[in-house]
Amino acid sequence: MVDAVDTVLNSDERRRQVDRFAFLSRSVRMCMEYTEVIHAHGHEHVQATHSSTFEVTSDDWLTPAGDCIVAIEADRTPADFTDEFVEAAQSHDAEITATLSTGDHTQTITGRGHPDLAFEDDRSAVGRTSDYTCGRTIMVDASGAADSVDRELVDALAAGADLTFELRVSVDE
C-alpha cells in the first residue's frame, strides 16, 4: 500500500515539474546580440548639426556641407558587416544601439531594425530618425541625430580625436 501511495505522489510531483518546465519554456525568450565595431577619425569640419541623420564615412575628407558626418576614414562600412548581424538587424523587433566613444566622451543612440536594411554601402554608415532606408542605412527611428550628439564629443571629433563606433543589434528569437 505504501508503494502505491509513493508512486502516485511521485507521478503527481513529476507532472508538476513537467508543467513548471513547460511554463518556463514558454516564458523564456532567447535574446541574440551581434556587434560590429568601426574605427574612424574626427576632422576639423565635424559640426554634427543635422537634425535627422548621423553618419560615419570611409572618405578621407570632409567639407563644411557634411553636417551629419561625425567621423571620417572609417576602417569598415556596412558592406563589411557579418551576415548574422545583417539578418538580425532586418527584423522589425531588432533594437540597434550605436555607441560613439572618443575615450573621454561617449554618446549612445538607439534605434530599430527594418526588413529593408540592406547594409550594402561600401562608403558610409547612416543612422536615421525616420524610417527611410537605403544601402547606407544602419538603423531607423533613431533616438537622436548628429545635432543630439554631446557637444564635448563633437568638439573632440572636430579636434581630430579617434572614434570607436560600436553597433549592437539585439533581437528576441
Protein backbone atom coordinates (compact mmCIF):
# COMPACT_ATOMS: atom_id res chain seq x y z
CA MET A 1 0.00 0.00 0.00
CA VAL A 2 2.83 2.39 0.84
CA ASP A 3 4.50 1.77 -2.54
CA ALA A 4 1.26 2.65 -4.38
CA VAL A 5 0.92 5.94 -2.46
CA ASP A 6 4.58 6.81 -3.14
CA THR A 7 4.07 6.08 -6.84
CA VAL A 8 1.00 8.38 -7.02
CA LEU A 9 2.81 11.15 -5.15
CA ASN A 10 5.90 10.77 -7.33
CA SER A 11 3.86 10.85 -10.53
CA ASP A 12 1.96 13.94 -9.30
CA GLU A 13 5.27 15.61 -8.47
CA ARG A 14 6.63 14.68 -11.91
CA ARG A 15 3.54 16.20 -13.55
CA ARG A 16 4.04 19.43 -11.59
CA GLN A 17 7.69 19.55 -12.63
CA VAL A 18 6.80 18.94 -16.28
CA ASP A 19 4.10 21.66 -16.10
CA ARG A 20 6.57 24.06 -14.45
CA PHE A 21 9.19 23.34 -17.15
CA ALA A 22 6.62 23.83 -19.93
CA PHE A 23 5.61 27.20 -18.42
CA LEU A 24 9.23 28.32 -18.11
CA SER A 25 9.97 27.19 -21.67
CA ARG A 26 7.15 29.40 -22.98
CA SER A 27 8.20 32.32 -20.75
CA VAL A 28 11.92 32.40 -21.50
CA ARG A 29 12.98 34.24 -24.64
CA MET A 30 16.32 33.97 -26.29
CA CYS A 31 17.88 37.35 -26.96
CA MET A 32 20.56 37.27 -29.62
CA GLU A 33 23.13 40.07 -29.80
CA TYR A 34 25.61 40.85 -32.54
CA THR A 35 28.19 43.63 -32.54
CA GLU A 36 30.11 45.45 -35.25
CA VAL A 37 32.89 47.94 -34.45
CA ILE A 38 34.14 50.71 -36.72
CA HIS A 39 37.22 52.82 -36.01
CA ALA A 40 37.31 56.28 -37.55
CA HIS A 41 38.77 59.76 -37.02
CA GLY A 42 37.43 63.20 -36.37
CA HIS A 43 38.08 66.15 -38.67
CA GLU A 44 38.20 69.93 -38.31
CA HIS A 45 34.93 70.24 -40.29
CA VAL A 46 32.89 67.98 -37.97
CA GLN A 47 29.87 70.07 -36.94
CA ALA A 48 27.23 67.42 -36.18
CA THR A 49 24.29 69.77 -36.71
CA HIS A 50 22.00 67.66 -38.91
CA SER A 51 18.61 67.07 -37.31
CA SER A 52 17.60 63.73 -38.82
CA THR A 53 20.77 61.69 -39.52
CA PHE A 54 24.26 60.91 -38.25
CA GLU A 55 27.00 59.39 -40.38
CA VAL A 56 30.43 57.78 -40.25
CA THR A 57 32.20 57.69 -43.62
CA SER A 58 35.23 55.93 -45.04
CA ASP A 59 36.04 59.05 -47.11
CA ASP A 60 39.30 60.73 -46.12
CA TRP A 61 37.91 64.24 -46.50
CA LEU A 62 35.02 66.32 -45.18
CA THR A 63 33.63 69.66 -46.30
CA PRO A 64 31.60 72.05 -44.12
CA ALA A 65 28.48 70.88 -46.01
CA GLY A 66 28.75 67.43 -44.36
CA ASP A 67 26.79 68.45 -41.28
CA CYS A 68 25.64 64.92 -40.43
CA ILE A 69 29.13 63.38 -40.54
CA VAL A 70 30.72 62.74 -37.15
CA ALA A 71 33.87 60.93 -38.34
CA ILE A 72 35.87 60.06 -41.46
CA GLU A 73 38.34 57.37 -42.56
CA ALA A 74 36.18 54.55 -41.18
CA ASP A 75 38.00 51.23 -41.34
CA ARG A 76 34.76 49.35 -42.07
CA THR A 77 31.45 50.04 -43.78
CA PRO A 78 28.02 48.34 -43.76
CA ALA A 79 29.12 46.11 -46.67
CA ASP A 80 31.68 44.54 -44.28
CA PHE A 81 29.19 43.52 -41.58
CA THR A 82 28.60 39.83 -40.86
CA ASP A 83 25.59 38.03 -42.27
CA GLU A 84 24.41 37.28 -38.71
CA PHE A 85 24.42 40.98 -37.80
CA VAL A 86 22.59 41.92 -41.00
CA GLU A 87 19.96 39.21 -40.61
CA ALA A 88 19.27 40.21 -37.01
CA ALA A 89 19.05 43.92 -37.93
CA GLN A 90 16.50 43.16 -40.64
CA SER A 91 13.90 42.28 -38.01
CA HIS A 92 11.23 44.86 -37.08
CA ASP A 93 11.79 43.69 -33.49
CA ALA A 94 15.52 44.41 -33.53
CA GLU A 95 16.88 47.11 -31.23
CA ILE A 96 20.06 48.68 -32.56
CA THR A 97 22.37 50.67 -30.31
CA ALA A 98 25.12 52.92 -31.65
CA THR A 99 27.79 53.94 -29.16
CA LEU A 100 30.19 56.71 -30.17
CA SER A 101 33.31 56.93 -27.98
CA THR A 102 36.43 59.09 -28.09
CA GLY A 103 37.99 57.96 -24.85
CA ASP A 104 36.80 60.81 -22.63
CA HIS A 105 33.33 61.13 -24.15
CA THR A 106 30.61 58.64 -25.02
CA GLN A 107 27.21 59.01 -26.68
CA THR A 108 24.58 56.33 -27.19
CA ILE A 109 21.83 56.47 -29.79
CA THR A 110 19.21 53.75 -30.05
CA GLY A 111 17.04 52.83 -32.99
CA ARG A 112 15.45 49.80 -34.53
CA GLY A 113 15.90 47.40 -37.38
CA HIS A 114 13.87 47.10 -40.56
CA PRO A 115 13.45 44.36 -43.20
CA ASP A 116 14.70 46.77 -45.89
CA LEU A 117 18.07 47.43 -44.25
CA ALA A 118 20.50 46.16 -46.90
CA PHE A 119 23.94 47.02 -45.41
CA GLU A 120 25.35 47.21 -48.93
CA ASP A 121 27.18 50.52 -48.95
CA ASP A 122 30.96 50.48 -49.07
CA ARG A 123 31.45 54.15 -48.14
CA SER A 124 29.30 55.21 -45.20
CA ALA A 125 27.01 54.17 -42.37
CA VAL A 126 23.97 56.37 -41.68
CA GLY A 127 21.59 56.32 -38.72
CA ARG A 128 18.19 57.91 -39.35
CA THR A 129 15.44 59.31 -37.14
CA SER A 130 12.96 58.48 -39.92
CA ASP A 131 12.03 55.09 -41.36
CA TYR A 132 13.75 55.77 -44.71
CA THR A 133 16.15 53.04 -45.81
CA CYS A 134 18.86 52.70 -48.43
CA GLY A 135 22.14 50.78 -48.72
CA ARG A 136 23.82 53.19 -46.26
CA THR A 137 21.16 52.97 -43.53
CA ILE A 138 22.24 51.18 -40.33
CA MET A 139 19.18 51.96 -38.18
CA VAL A 140 15.79 53.66 -38.42
CA ASP A 141 13.73 55.55 -35.82
CA ALA A 142 16.94 56.65 -34.09
CA SER A 143 16.57 58.39 -30.74
CA GLY A 144 18.82 61.18 -31.98
CA ALA A 145 20.73 62.56 -34.92
CA ALA A 146 24.02 64.41 -35.32
CA ASP A 147 22.60 67.50 -33.61
CA SER A 148 21.88 65.49 -30.45
CA VAL A 149 25.47 64.30 -30.02
CA ASP A 150 27.09 65.71 -26.89
CA ARG A 151 28.89 68.94 -27.80
CA GLU A 152 32.06 67.95 -25.90
CA LEU A 153 32.21 64.77 -28.01
CA VAL A 154 31.67 66.86 -31.17
CA ASP A 155 34.46 69.25 -30.09
CA ALA A 156 36.81 66.31 -29.54
CA LEU A 157 35.99 64.98 -33.02
CA ALA A 158 36.46 68.44 -34.55
CA ALA A 159 39.90 68.44 -32.91
CA GLY A 160 40.70 65.15 -34.70
CA ALA A 161 40.01 62.61 -31.95
CA ASP A 162 39.80 58.92 -32.82
CA LEU A 163 36.29 57.47 -32.72
CA THR A 164 35.17 53.98 -31.80
CA PHE A 165 31.72 53.43 -33.27
CA GLU A 166 30.08 50.31 -31.88
CA LEU A 167 26.83 48.98 -33.31
CA ARG A 168 24.97 46.35 -31.32
CA VAL A 169 21.81 44.65 -32.55
CA SER A 170 19.60 42.77 -30.09
CA VAL A 171 16.66 40.68 -31.19
CA ASP A 172 14.44 38.14 -29.45
CA GLU A 173 14.46 34.78 -31.15
